[in-house]
Amino acid sequence: MRWTVDHASRELLPDQIAASVRRGVASGELEVGEQLPPAAELAAALSVDRNTVLAAYRQLRDDGLLEFRRGRGARVASAVTEPPPVLEAARALVAVARTHGLTRTELVRLVEKLA
């Protein structure tokens, strides 16, 4: 799996690390049950503080993507990669689009235009 962070980016480092894990799960490079590198090891490899990695891991745990086991580190708990707030917002968008008569194709085209 390719772990990357851009130290010059405006995106927070924990968010970048969490995005790397989400991409790894979405692409199949990380599977449910697979152990992630220890925070200190990954921090050294990415030239970030250990607490930065731990913050990313906690964020992913809170989103249900990782689980922590004492003495066993962090493991992938779920293959669902969408953060709950994003999933909730997407559901709300689909509901509003339906209310206003937009088709799936029209909604996808609108989202692509905005992204």
PDB file of N, CA and C in Angstrom:
ATOM      1  N   MET A   1       0.831  -1.176   0.000  1.00  0.00           N
ATOM      2  CA  MET A   1       0.000   0.000   0.000  1.00  0.00           C
ATOM      3  C   MET A   1       0.875   1.238   0.000  1.00  0.00           C
ATOM      4  N   ARG A   2       0.417   2.241  -0.654  1.00  0.00           N
ATOM      5  CA  ARG A   2       1.184   3.468  -0.786  1.00  0.00           C
ATOM      6  C   ARG A   2       0.708   4.501   0.233  1.00  0.00           C
ATOM      7  N   TRP A   3       1.529   4.763   1.231  1.00  0.00           N
ATOM      8  CA  TRP A   3       1.229   5.767   2.248  1.00  0.00           C
ATOM      9  C   TRP A   3       1.844   7.077   1.793  1.00  0.00           C
ATOM     10  N   THR A   4       1.029   8.117   1.688  1.00  0.00           N
ATOM     11  CA  THR A   4       1.565   9.402   1.254  1.00  0.00           C
ATOM     12  C   THR A   4       0.961  10.540   2.066  1.00  0.00           C
ATOM     13  N   VAL A   5       1.788  11.544   2.313  1.00  0.00           N
ATOM     14  CA  VAL A   5       1.318  12.809   2.873  1.00  0.00           C
ATOM     15  C   VAL A   5       2.060  13.928   2.158  1.00  0.00           C
ATOM     16  N   ASP A   6       1.390  15.038   2.028  1.00  0.00           N
ATOM     17  CA  ASP A   6       1.989  16.231   1.429  1.00  0.00           C
ATOM     18  C   ASP A   6       2.106  17.268   2.529  1.00  0.00           C
ATOM     19  N   HIS A   7       3.322  17.481   3.002  1.00  0.00           N
ATOM     20  CA  HIS A   7       3.541  18.402   4.110  1.00  0.00           C
ATOM     21  C   HIS A   7       3.216  19.847   3.739  1.00  0.00           C
ATOM     22  N   ALA A   8       3.155  20.163   2.463  1.00  0.00           N
ATOM     23  CA  ALA A   8       2.844  21.517   2.018  1.00  0.00           C
ATOM     24  C   ALA A   8       1.340  21.736   1.817  1.00  0.00           C
ATOM     25  N   SER A   9       0.561  20.674   1.879  1.00  0.00           N
ATOM     26  CA  SER A   9      -0.879  20.760   1.643  1.00  0.00           C
ATOM     27  C   SER A   9      -1.586  21.470   2.796  1.00  0.00           C
ATOM     28  N   ARG A  10      -2.720  22.077   2.474  1.00  0.00           N
ATOM     29  CA  ARG A  10      -3.538  22.708   3.511  1.00  0.00           C
ATOM     30  C   ARG A  10      -4.370  21.664   4.261  1.00  0.00           C
ATOM     31  N   GLU A  11      -4.492  20.467   3.667  1.00  0.00           N
ATOM     32  CA  GLU A  11      -5.236  19.394   4.318  1.00  0.00           C
ATOM     33  C   GLU A  11      -4.444  18.901   5.524  1.00  0.00           C
ATOM     34  N   LEU A  12      -5.126  18.704   6.637  1.00  0.00           N
ATOM     35  CA  LEU A  12      -4.463  18.252   7.856  1.00  0.00           C
ATOM     36  C   LEU A  12      -3.800  16.898   7.637  1.00  0.00           C
ATOM     37  N   LEU A  13      -2.645  16.715   8.249  1.00  0.00           N
ATOM     38  CA  LEU A  13      -1.898  15.470   8.089  1.00  0.00           C
ATOM     39  C   LEU A  13      -2.699  14.237   8.539  1.00  0.00           C
ATOM     40  N   PRO A  14      -3.404  14.290   9.685  1.00  0.00           N
ATOM     41  CA  PRO A  14      -4.200  13.103  10.046  1.00  0.00           C
ATOM     42  C   PRO A  14      -5.260  12.770   8.991  1.00  0.00           C
ATOM     43  N   ASP A  15      -5.842  13.792   8.373  1.00  0.00           N
ATOM     44  CA  ASP A  15      -6.835  13.562   7.332  1.00  0.00           C
ATOM     45  C   ASP A  15      -6.197  12.915   6.099  1.00  0.00           C
ATOM     46  N   GLN A  16      -4.967  13.314   5.780  1.00  0.00           N
ATOM     47  CA  GLN A  16      -4.271  12.716   4.641  1.00  0.00           C
ATOM     48  C   GLN A  16      -3.944  11.247   4.906  1.00  0.00           C
ATOM     49  N   ILE A  17      -3.539  10.947   6.134  1.00  0.00           N
ATOM     50  CA  ILE A  17      -3.224   9.568   6.486  1.00  0.00           C
ATOM     51  C   ILE A  17      -4.497   8.726   6.451  1.00  0.00           C
ATOM     52  N   ALA A  18      -5.578   9.260   7.009  1.00  0.00           N
ATOM     53  CA  ALA A  18      -6.858   8.547   6.992  1.00  0.00           C
ATOM     54  C   ALA A  18      -7.315   8.297   5.554  1.00  0.00           C
ATOM     55  N   ALA A  19      -7.109   9.282   4.679  1.00  0.00           N
ATOM     56  CA  ALA A  19      -7.487   9.119   3.268  1.00  0.00           C
ATOM     57  C   ALA A  19      -6.665   8.014   2.610  1.00  0.00           C
ATOM     58  N   SER A  20      -5.394   7.883   2.985  1.00  0.00           N
ATOM     59  CA  SER A  20      -4.560   6.799   2.443  1.00  0.00           C
ATOM     60  C   SER A  20      -5.128   5.439   2.836  1.00  0.00           C
ATOM     61  N   VAL A  21      -5.563   5.318   4.082  1.00  0.00           N
ATOM     62  CA  VAL A  21      -6.144   4.052   4.536  1.00  0.00           C
ATOM     63  C   VAL A  21      -7.444   3.783   3.798  1.00  0.00           C
ATOM     64  N   ARG A  22      -8.283   4.816   3.667  1.00  0.00           N
ATOM     65  CA  ARG A  22      -9.558   4.634   2.953  1.00  0.00           C
ATOM     66  C   ARG A  22      -9.322   4.192   1.513  1.00  0.00           C
ATOM     67  N   ARG A  23      -8.325   4.802   0.842  1.00  0.00           N
ATOM     68  CA  ARG A  23      -8.002   4.398  -0.531  1.00  0.00           C
ATOM     69  C   ARG A  23      -7.523   2.949  -0.568  1.00  0.00           C
ATOM     70  N   GLY A  24      -6.717   2.561   0.415  1.00  0.00           N
ATOM     71  CA  GLY A  24      -6.218   1.194   0.477  1.00  0.00           C
ATOM     72  C   GLY A  24      -7.343   0.183   0.648  1.00  0.00           C
ATOM     73  N   VAL A  25      -8.323   0.520   1.480  1.00  0.00           N
ATOM     74  CA  VAL A  25      -9.462  -0.381   1.680  1.00  0.00           C
ATOM     75  C   VAL A  25     -10.323  -0.418   0.430  1.00  0.00           C
ATOM     76  N   ALA A  26     -10.587   0.748  -0.150  1.00  0.00           N
ATOM     77  CA  ALA A  26     -11.438   0.817  -1.342  1.00  0.00           C
ATOM     78  C   ALA A  26     -10.818   0.062  -2.516  1.00  0.00           C
ATOM     79  N   SER A  27      -9.492   0.106  -2.641  1.00  0.00           N
ATOM     80  CA  SER A  27      -8.828  -0.560  -3.766  1.00  0.00           C
ATOM     81  C   SER A  27      -8.592  -2.051  -3.515  1.00  0.00           C
ATOM     82  N   GLY A  28      -8.797  -2.487  -2.275  1.00  0.00           N
ATOM     83  CA  GLY A  28      -8.564  -3.891  -1.949  1.00  0.00           C
ATOM     84  C   GLY A  28      -7.147  -4.184  -1.477  1.00  0.00           C
ATOM     85  N   GLU A  29      -6.301  -3.161  -1.433  1.00  0.00           N
ATOM     86  CA  GLU A  29      -4.933  -3.371  -0.947  1.00  0.00           C
ATOM     87  C   GLU A  29      -4.923  -3.693   0.542  1.00  0.00           C
ATOM     88  N   LEU A  30      -5.896  -3.152   1.268  1.00  0.00           N
ATOM     89  CA  LEU A  30      -6.076  -3.470   2.685  1.00  0.00           C
ATOM     90  C   LEU A  30      -7.381  -4.232   2.827  1.00  0.00           C
ATOM     91  N   GLU A  31      -7.333  -5.367   3.483  1.00  0.00           N
ATOM     92  CA  GLU A  31      -8.527  -6.201   3.640  1.00  0.00           C
ATOM     93  C   GLU A  31      -8.977  -6.212   5.090  1.00  0.00           C
ATOM     94  N   VAL A  32     -10.240  -6.543   5.295  1.00  0.00           N
ATOM     95  CA  VAL A  32     -10.775  -6.656   6.643  1.00  0.00           C
ATOM     96  C   VAL A  32      -9.916  -7.646   7.427  1.00  0.00           C
ATOM     97  N   GLY A  33      -9.521  -7.240   8.620  1.00  0.00           N
ATOM     98  CA  GLY A  33      -8.679  -8.070   9.477  1.00  0.00           C
ATOM     99  C   GLY A  33      -7.203  -7.779   9.358  1.00  0.00           C
ATOM    100  N   GLU A  34      -6.818  -7.057   8.318  1.00  0.00           N
ATOM    101  CA  GLU A  34      -5.396  -6.774   8.122  1.00  0.00           C
ATOM    102  C   GLU A  34      -4.911  -5.740   9.136  1.00  0.00           C
ATOM    103  N   GLN A  35      -3.709  -5.979   9.643  1.00  0.00           N
ATOM    104  CA  GLN A  35      -3.131  -5.080  10.639  1.00  0.00           C
ATOM    105  C   GLN A  35      -2.414  -3.918   9.961  1.00  0.00           C
ATOM    106  N   LEU A  36      -2.608  -2.721  10.514  1.00  0.00           N
ATOM    107  CA  LEU A  36      -1.910  -1.547  10.018  1.00  0.00           C
ATOM    108  C   LEU A  36      -0.574  -1.405  10.731  1.00  0.00           C
ATOM    109  N   PRO A  37       0.347  -0.655  10.149  1.00  0.00           N
ATOM    110  CA  PRO A  37       1.653  -0.482  10.800  1.00  0.00           C
ATOM    111  C   PRO A  37       1.490   0.201  12.155  1.00  0.00           C
ATOM    112  N   PRO A  38       2.374  -0.110  13.103  1.00  0.00           N
ATOM    113  CA  PRO A  38       2.342   0.601  14.381  1.00  0.00           C
ATOM    114  C   PRO A  38       2.512   2.105  14.145  1.00  0.00           C
ATOM    115  N   ALA A  39       1.884   2.908  14.985  1.00  0.00           N
ATOM    116  CA  ALA A  39       1.885   4.363  14.807  1.00  0.00           C
ATOM    117  C   ALA A  39       3.300   4.926  14.751  1.00  0.00           C
ATOM    118  N   ALA A  40       4.170   4.467  15.635  1.00  0.00           N
ATOM    119  CA  ALA A  40       5.536   4.997  15.662  1.00  0.00           C
ATOM    120  C   ALA A  40       6.279   4.681  14.363  1.00  0.00           C
ATOM    121  N   GLU A  41       6.085   3.469  13.853  1.00  0.00           N
ATOM    122  CA  GLU A  41       6.748   3.051  12.613  1.00  0.00           C
ATOM    123  C   GLU A  41       6.246   3.870  11.413  1.00  0.00           C
ATOM    124  N   LEU A  42       4.924   4.018  11.316  1.00  0.00           N
ATOM    125  CA  LEU A  42       4.361   4.784  10.203  1.00  0.00           C
ATOM    126  C   LEU A  42       4.744   6.258  10.312  1.00  0.00           C
ATOM    127  N   ALA A  43       4.747   6.789  11.527  1.00  0.00           N
ATOM    128  CA  ALA A  43       5.132   8.183  11.737  1.00  0.00           C
ATOM    129  C   ALA A  43       6.556   8.434  11.251  1.00  0.00           C
ATOM    130  N   ALA A  44       7.459   7.528  11.564  1.00  0.00           N
ATOM    131  CA  ALA A  44       8.849   7.676  11.125  1.00  0.00           C
ATOM    132  C   ALA A  44       8.942   7.616   9.604  1.00  0.00           C
ATOM    133  N   ALA A  45       8.187   6.718   8.989  1.00  0.00           N
ATOM    134  CA  ALA A  45       8.224   6.572   7.533  1.00  0.00           C
ATOM    135  C   ALA A  45       7.663   7.801   6.820  1.00  0.00           C
ATOM    136  N   LEU A  46       6.667   8.460   7.445  1.00  0.00           N
ATOM    137  CA  LEU A  46       6.028   9.626   6.814  1.00  0.00           C
ATOM    138  C   LEU A  46       6.602  10.956   7.298  1.00  0.00           C
ATOM    139  N   SER A  47       7.558  10.895   8.198  1.00  0.00           N
ATOM    140  CA  SER A  47       8.153  12.104   8.801  1.00  0.00           C
ATOM    141  C   SER A  47       7.096  12.980   9.463  1.00  0.00           C
ATOM    142  N   VAL A  48       6.262  12.336  10.277  1.00  0.00           N
ATOM    143  CA  VAL A  48       5.259  13.055  11.063  1.00  0.00           C
ATOM    144  C   VAL A  48       5.369  12.576  12.507  1.00  0.00           C
ATOM    145  N   ASP A  49       4.687  13.261  13.389  1.00  0.00           N
ATOM    146  CA  ASP A  49       4.668  12.887  14.788  1.00  0.00           C
ATOM    147  C   ASP A  49       3.782  11.654  14.991  1.00  0.00           C
ATOM    148  N   ARG A  50       4.138  10.825  15.941  1.00  0.00           N
ATOM    149  CA  ARG A  50       3.368   9.625  16.259  1.00  0.00           C
ATOM    150  C   ARG A  50       1.918   9.976  16.588  1.00  0.00           C
ATOM    151  N   ASN A  51       1.705  11.088  17.282  1.00  0.00           N
ATOM    152  CA  ASN A  51       0.344  11.501  17.642  1.00  0.00           C
ATOM    153  C   ASN A  51      -0.493  11.849  16.413  1.00  0.00           C
ATOM    154  N   THR A  52       0.154  12.270  15.344  1.00  0.00           N
ATOM    155  CA  THR A  52      -0.557  12.555  14.092  1.00  0.00           C
ATOM    156  C   THR A  52      -1.142  11.273  13.524  1.00  0.00           C
ATOM    157  N   VAL A  53      -0.342  10.214  13.528  1.00  0.00           N
ATOM    158  CA  VAL A  53      -0.815   8.908  13.048  1.00  0.00           C
ATOM    159  C   VAL A  53      -1.920   8.388  13.965  1.00  0.00           C
ATOM    160  N   LEU A  54      -1.722   8.530  15.268  1.00  0.00           N
ATOM    161  CA  LEU A  54      -2.745   8.068  16.216  1.00  0.00           C
ATOM    162  C   LEU A  54      -4.056   8.819  16.016  1.00  0.00           C
ATOM    163  N   ALA A  55      -3.982  10.117  15.711  1.00  0.00           N
ATOM    164  CA  ALA A  55      -5.199  10.899  15.456  1.00  0.00           C
ATOM    165  C   ALA A  55      -5.926  10.369  14.227  1.00  0.00           C
ATOM    166  N   ALA A  56      -5.173  10.009  13.189  1.00  0.00           N
ATOM    167  CA  ALA A  56      -5.780   9.443  11.979  1.00  0.00           C
ATOM    168  C   ALA A  56      -6.418   8.091  12.292  1.00  0.00           C
ATOM    169  N   TYR A  57      -5.715   7.250  13.031  1.00  0.00           N
ATOM    170  CA  TYR A  57      -6.239   5.942  13.400  1.00  0.00           C
ATOM    171  C   TYR A  57      -7.516   6.087  14.246  1.00  0.00           C
ATOM    172  N   ARG A  58      -7.525   7.046  15.186  1.00  0.00           N
ATOM    173  CA  ARG A  58      -8.725   7.255  16.016  1.00  0.00           C
ATOM    174  C   ARG A  58      -9.899   7.723  15.167  1.00  0.00           C
ATOM    175  N   GLN A  59      -9.617   8.598  14.209  1.00  0.00           N
ATOM    176  CA  GLN A  59     -10.662   9.083  13.298  1.00  0.00           C
ATOM    177  C   GLN A  59     -11.274   7.904  12.536  1.00  0.00           C
ATOM    178  N   LEU A  60     -10.426   7.026  12.042  1.00  0.00           N
ATOM    179  CA  LEU A  60     -10.893   5.858  11.299  1.00  0.00           C
ATOM    180  C   LEU A  60     -11.632   4.878  12.210  1.00  0.00           C
ATOM    181  N   ARG A  61     -11.188   4.765  13.450  1.00  0.00           N
ATOM    182  CA  ARG A  61     -11.898   3.916  14.423  1.00  0.00           C
ATOM    183  C   ARG A  61     -13.293   4.482  14.691  1.00  0.00           C
ATOM    184  N   ASP A  62     -13.362   5.803  14.877  1.00  0.00           N
ATOM    185  CA  ASP A  62     -14.652   6.438  15.146  1.00  0.00           C
ATOM    186  C   ASP A  62     -15.609   6.302  13.967  1.00  0.00           C
ATOM    187  N   ASP A  63     -15.060   6.206  12.752  1.00  0.00           N
ATOM    188  CA  ASP A  63     -15.875   6.015  11.550  1.00  0.00           C
ATOM    189  C   ASP A  63     -16.211   4.540  11.309  1.00  0.00           C
ATOM    190  N   GLY A  64     -15.693   3.654  12.159  1.00  0.00           N
ATOM    191  CA  GLY A  64     -15.993   2.236  12.042  1.00  0.00           C
ATOM    192  C   GLY A  64     -15.101   1.473  11.082  1.00  0.00           C
ATOM    193  N   LEU A  65     -14.065   2.125  10.561  1.00  0.00           N
ATOM    194  CA  LEU A  65     -13.193   1.473   9.587  1.00  0.00           C
ATOM    195  C   LEU A  65     -12.093   0.647  10.252  1.00  0.00           C
ATOM    196  N   LEU A  66     -11.631   1.076  11.437  1.00  0.00           N
ATOM    197  CA  LEU A  66     -10.579   0.367  12.161  1.00  0.00           C
ATOM    198  C   LEU A  66     -11.081  -0.075  13.524  1.00  0.00           C
ATOM    199  N   GLU A  67     -10.391  -1.085  14.057  1.00  0.00           N
ATOM    200  CA  GLU A  67     -10.614  -1.481  15.443  1.00  0.00           C
ATOM    201  C   GLU A  67      -9.252  -1.592  16.109  1.00  0.00           C
ATOM    202  N   PHE A  68      -9.220  -1.263  17.395  1.00  0.00           N
ATOM    203  CA  PHE A  68      -7.982  -1.376  18.164  1.00  0.00           C
ATOM    204  C   PHE A  68      -8.106  -2.574  19.090  1.00  0.00           C
ATOM    205  N   ARG A  69      -7.032  -3.331  19.181  1.00  0.00           N
ATOM    206  CA  ARG A  69      -6.974  -4.447  20.124  1.00  0.00           C
ATOM    207  C   ARG A  69      -5.683  -4.311  20.911  1.00  0.00           C
ATOM    208  N   ARG A  70      -5.815  -4.317  22.218  1.00  0.00           N
ATOM    209  CA  ARG A  70      -4.632  -4.175  23.072  1.00  0.00           C
ATOM    210  C   ARG A  70      -3.616  -5.265  22.723  1.00  0.00           C
ATOM    211  N   GLY A  71      -2.403  -4.813  22.458  1.00  0.00           N
ATOM    212  CA  GLY A  71      -1.336  -5.749  22.131  1.00  0.00           C
ATOM    213  C   GLY A  71      -1.326  -6.227  20.686  1.00  0.00           C
ATOM    214  N   ARG A  72      -2.375  -5.870  19.936  1.00  0.00           N
ATOM    215  CA  ARG A  72      -2.445  -6.314  18.537  1.00  0.00           C
ATOM    216  C   ARG A  72      -2.490  -5.150  17.561  1.00  0.00           C
ATOM    217  N   GLY A  73      -2.556  -3.932  18.056  1.00  0.00           N
ATOM    218  CA  GLY A  73      -2.551  -2.761  17.188  1.00  0.00           C
ATOM    219  C   GLY A  73      -3.880  -2.486  16.520  1.00  0.00           C
ATOM    220  N   ALA A  74      -3.815  -1.767  15.419  1.00  0.00           N
ATOM    221  CA  ALA A  74      -5.006  -1.368  14.668  1.00  0.00           C
ATOM    222  C   ALA A  74      -5.202  -2.311  13.488  1.00  0.00           C
ATOM    223  N   ARG A  75      -6.440  -2.748  13.324  1.00  0.00           N
ATOM    224  CA  ARG A  75      -6.794  -3.644  12.218  1.00  0.00           C
ATOM    225  C   ARG A  75      -7.985  -3.075  11.462  1.00  0.00           C
ATOM    226  N   VAL A  76      -8.060  -3.408  10.184  1.00  0.00           N
ATOM    227  CA  VAL A  76      -9.196  -2.999   9.367  1.00  0.00           C
ATOM    228  C   VAL A  76     -10.419  -3.770   9.853  1.00  0.00           C
ATOM    229  N   ALA A  77     -11.470  -3.040  10.212  1.00  0.00           N
ATOM    230  CA  ALA A  77     -12.680  -3.657  10.765  1.00  0.00           C
ATOM    231  C   ALA A  77     -13.804  -3.731   9.752  1.00  0.00           C
ATOM    232  N   SER A  78     -13.753  -2.877   8.744  1.00  0.00           N
ATOM    233  CA  SER A  78     -14.869  -2.789   7.805  1.00  0.00           C
ATOM    234  C   SER A  78     -14.347  -2.370   6.438  1.00  0.00           C
ATOM    235  N   ALA A  79     -15.055  -2.789   5.414  1.00  0.00           N
ATOM    236  CA  ALA A  79     -14.692  -2.393   4.054  1.00  0.00           C
ATOM    237  C   ALA A  79     -15.474  -1.163   3.607  1.00  0.00           C
ATOM    238  N   VAL A  80     -16.314  -0.613   4.491  1.00  0.00           N
ATOM    239  CA  VAL A  80     -17.060   0.609   4.165  1.00  0.00           C
ATOM    240  C   VAL A  80     -16.109   1.778   4.348  1.00  0.00           C
ATOM    241  N   THR A  81     -15.857   2.529   3.278  1.00  0.00           N
ATOM    242  CA  THR A  81     -14.845   3.579   3.338  1.00  0.00           C
ATOM    243  C   THR A  81     -15.411   4.989   3.432  1.00  0.00           C
ATOM    244  N   GLU A  82     -16.708   5.128   3.287  1.00  0.00           N
ATOM    245  CA  GLU A  82     -17.286   6.462   3.351  1.00  0.00           C
ATOM    246  C   GLU A  82     -17.483   6.867   4.809  1.00  0.00           C
ATOM    247  N   PRO A  83     -16.981   8.057   5.198  1.00  0.00           N
ATOM    248  CA  PRO A  83     -17.214   8.518   6.561  1.00  0.00           C
ATOM    249  C   PRO A  83     -18.714   8.735   6.776  1.00  0.00           C
ATOM    250  N   PRO A  84     -19.237   8.376   7.945  1.00  0.00           N
ATOM    251  CA  PRO A  84     -20.672   8.522   8.201  1.00  0.00           C
ATOM    252  C   PRO A  84     -21.257   9.894   7.860  1.00  0.00           C
ATOM    253  N   PRO A  85     -20.591  11.018   8.178  1.00  0.00           N
ATOM    254  CA  PRO A  85     -21.188  12.314   7.823  1.00  0.00           C
ATOM    255  C   PRO A  85     -21.336  12.502   6.308  1.00  0.00           C
ATOM    256  N   VAL A  86     -20.385  11.981   5.540  1.00  0.00           N
ATOM    257  CA  VAL A  86     -20.455  12.092   4.082  1.00  0.00           C
ATOM    258  C   VAL A  86     -21.588  11.227   3.557  1.00  0.00           C
ATOM    259  N   LEU A  87     -21.701  10.028   4.091  1.00  0.00           N
ATOM    260  CA  LEU A  87     -22.774   9.128   3.684  1.00  0.00           C
ATOM    261  C   LEU A  87     -24.140   9.738   3.997  1.00  0.00           C
ATOM    262  N   GLU A  88     -24.264  10.329   5.178  1.00  0.00           N
ATOM    263  CA  GLU A  88     -25.519  10.983   5.567  1.00  0.00           C
ATOM    264  C   GLU A  88     -25.845  12.155   4.637  1.00  0.00           C
ATOM    265  N   ALA A  89     -24.848  12.974   4.323  1.00  0.00           N
ATOM    266  CA  ALA A  89     -25.060  14.107   3.427  1.00  0.00           C
ATOM    267  C   ALA A  89     -25.445  13.636   2.026  1.00  0.00           C
ATOM    268  N   ALA A  90     -24.828  12.557   1.564  1.00  0.00           N
ATOM    269  CA  ALA A  90     -25.155  12.020   0.238  1.00  0.00           C
ATOM    270  C   ALA A  90     -26.589  11.513   0.195  1.00  0.00           C
ATOM    271  N   ARG A  91     -27.009  10.836   1.261  1.00  0.00           N
ATOM    272  CA  ARG A  91     -28.401  10.364   1.323  1.00  0.00           C
ATOM    273  C   ARG A  91     -29.380  11.541   1.286  1.00  0.00           C
ATOM    274  N   ALA A  92     -29.040  12.594   2.018  1.00  0.00           N
ATOM    275  CA  ALA A  92     -29.895  13.777   2.032  1.00  0.00           C
ATOM    276  C   ALA A  92     -29.943  14.420   0.644  1.00  0.00           C
ATOM    277  N   LEU A  93     -28.808  14.484  -0.034  1.00  0.00           N
ATOM    278  CA  LEU A  93     -28.755  15.053  -1.380  1.00  0.00           C
ATOM    279  C   LEU A  93     -29.630  14.259  -2.340  1.00  0.00           C
ATOM    280  N   VAL A  94     -29.536  12.935  -2.275  1.00  0.00           N
ATOM    281  CA  VAL A  94     -30.348  12.083  -3.151  1.00  0.00           C
ATOM    282  C   VAL A  94     -31.836  12.316  -2.871  1.00  0.00           C
ATOM    283  N   ALA A  95     -32.202  12.427  -1.602  1.00  0.00           N
ATOM    284  CA  ALA A  95     -33.607  12.656  -1.246  1.00  0.00           C
ATOM    285  C   ALA A  95     -34.104  13.996  -1.783  1.00  0.00           C
ATOM    286  N   VAL A  96     -33.304  15.040  -1.661  1.00  0.00           N
ATOM    287  CA  VAL A  96     -33.695  16.370  -2.165  1.00  0.00           C
ATOM    288  C   VAL A  96     -33.787  16.342  -3.684  1.00  0.00           C
ATOM    289  N   ALA A  97     -32.845  15.674  -4.331  1.00  0.00           N
ATOM    290  CA  ALA A  97     -32.866  15.583  -5.795  1.00  0.00           C
ATOM    291  C   ALA A  97     -34.132  14.880  -6.272  1.00  0.00           C
ATOM    292  N   ARG A  98     -34.508  13.803  -5.596  1.00  0.00           N
ATOM    293  CA  ARG A  98     -35.740  13.088  -5.965  1.00  0.00           C
ATOM    294  C   ARG A  98     -36.956  13.981  -5.788  1.00  0.00           C
ATOM    295  N   THR A  99     -36.984  14.726  -4.693  1.00  0.00           N
ATOM    296  CA  THR A  99     -38.097  15.631  -4.417  1.00  0.00           C
ATOM    297  C   THR A  99     -38.262  16.656  -5.538  1.00  0.00           C
ATOM    298  N   HIS A 100     -37.153  17.065  -6.104  1.00  0.00           N
ATOM    299  CA  HIS A 100     -37.179  18.077  -7.165  1.00  0.00           C
ATOM    300  C   HIS A 100     -37.179  17.465  -8.564  1.00  0.00           C
ATOM    301  N   GLY A 101     -37.337  16.153  -8.651  1.00  0.00           N
ATOM    302  CA  GLY A 101     -37.510  15.498  -9.935  1.00  0.00           C
ATOM    303  C   GLY A 101     -36.252  15.244 -10.734  1.00  0.00           C
ATOM    304  N   LEU A 102     -35.077  15.357 -10.127  1.00  0.00           N
ATOM    305  CA  LEU A 102     -33.843  15.079 -10.860  1.00  0.00           C
ATOM    306  C   LEU A 102     -33.677  13.573 -11.033  1.00  0.00           C
ATOM    307  N   THR A 103     -33.222  13.182 -12.191  1.00  0.00           N
ATOM    308  CA  THR A 103     -32.922  11.777 -12.446  1.00  0.00           C
ATOM    309  C   THR A 103     -31.533  11.465 -11.885  1.00  0.00           C
ATOM    310  N   ARG A 104     -31.221  10.185 -11.825  1.00  0.00           N
ATOM    311  CA  ARG A 104     -29.907   9.764 -11.352  1.00  0.00           C
ATOM    312  C   ARG A 104     -28.810  10.373 -12.221  1.00  0.00           C
ATOM    313  N   THR A 105     -29.012  10.317 -13.520  1.00  0.00           N
ATOM    314  CA  THR A 105     -28.023  10.854 -14.460  1.00  0.00           C
ATOM    315  C   THR A 105     -27.816  12.345 -14.248  1.00  0.00           C
ATOM    316  N   GLU A 106     -28.908  13.076 -14.053  1.00  0.00           N
ATOM    317  CA  GLU A 106     -28.796  14.520 -13.828  1.00  0.00           C
ATOM    318  C   GLU A 106     -28.067  14.824 -12.517  1.00  0.00           C
ATOM    319  N   LEU A 107     -28.348  14.030 -11.485  1.00  0.00           N
ATOM    320  CA  LEU A 107     -27.695  14.234 -10.206  1.00  0.00           C
ATOM    321  C   LEU A 107     -26.200  13.933 -10.308  1.00  0.00           C
ATOM    322  N   VAL A 108     -25.862  12.842 -10.972  1.00  0.00           N
ATOM    323  CA  VAL A 108     -24.445  12.486 -11.144  1.00  0.00           C
ATOM    324  C   VAL A 108     -23.726  13.580 -11.930  1.00  0.00           C
ATOM    325  N   ARG A 109     -24.347  14.072 -12.976  1.00  0.00           N
ATOM    326  CA  ARG A 109     -23.750  15.135 -13.791  1.00  0.00           C
ATOM    327  C   ARG A 109     -23.518  16.389 -12.930  1.00  0.00           C
ATOM    328  N   LEU A 110     -24.491  16.725 -12.075  1.00  0.00           N
ATOM    329  CA  LEU A 110     -24.353  17.892 -11.193  1.00  0.00           C
ATOM    330  C   LEU A 110     -23.205  17.707 -10.206  1.00  0.00           C
ATOM    331  N   VAL A 111     -23.115  16.548  -9.609  1.00  0.00           N
ATOM    332  CA  VAL A 111     -22.030  16.285  -8.646  1.00  0.00           C
ATOM    333  C   VAL A 111     -20.670  16.307  -9.344  1.00  0.00           C
ATOM    334  N   GLU A 112     -20.586  15.738 -10.531  1.00  0.00           N
ATOM    335  CA  GLU A 112     -19.321  15.760 -11.289  1.00  0.00           C
ATOM    336  C   GLU A 112     -18.915  17.173 -11.626  1.00  0.00           C
ATOM    337  N   LYS A 113     -19.888  18.009 -11.940  1.00  0.00           N
ATOM    338  CA  LYS A 113     -19.596  19.406 -12.264  1.00  0.00           C
ATOM    339  C   LYS A 113     -19.049  20.149 -11.033  1.00  0.00           C
ATOM    340  N   LEU A 114     -19.564  19.813  -9.873  1.00  0.00           N
ATOM    341  CA  LEU A 114     -19.140  20.476  -8.632  1.00  0.00           C
ATOM    342  C   LEU A 114     -17.819  19.950  -8.087  1.00  0.00           C
ATOM    343  N   ALA A 115     -17.504  18.709  -8.413  1.00  0.00           N
ATOM    344  CA  ALA A 115     -16.296  18.090  -7.821  1.00  0.00           C
ATOM    345  C   ALA A 115     -15.041  18.429  -8.546  1.00  0.00           C
TER     346      ALA A 115
END
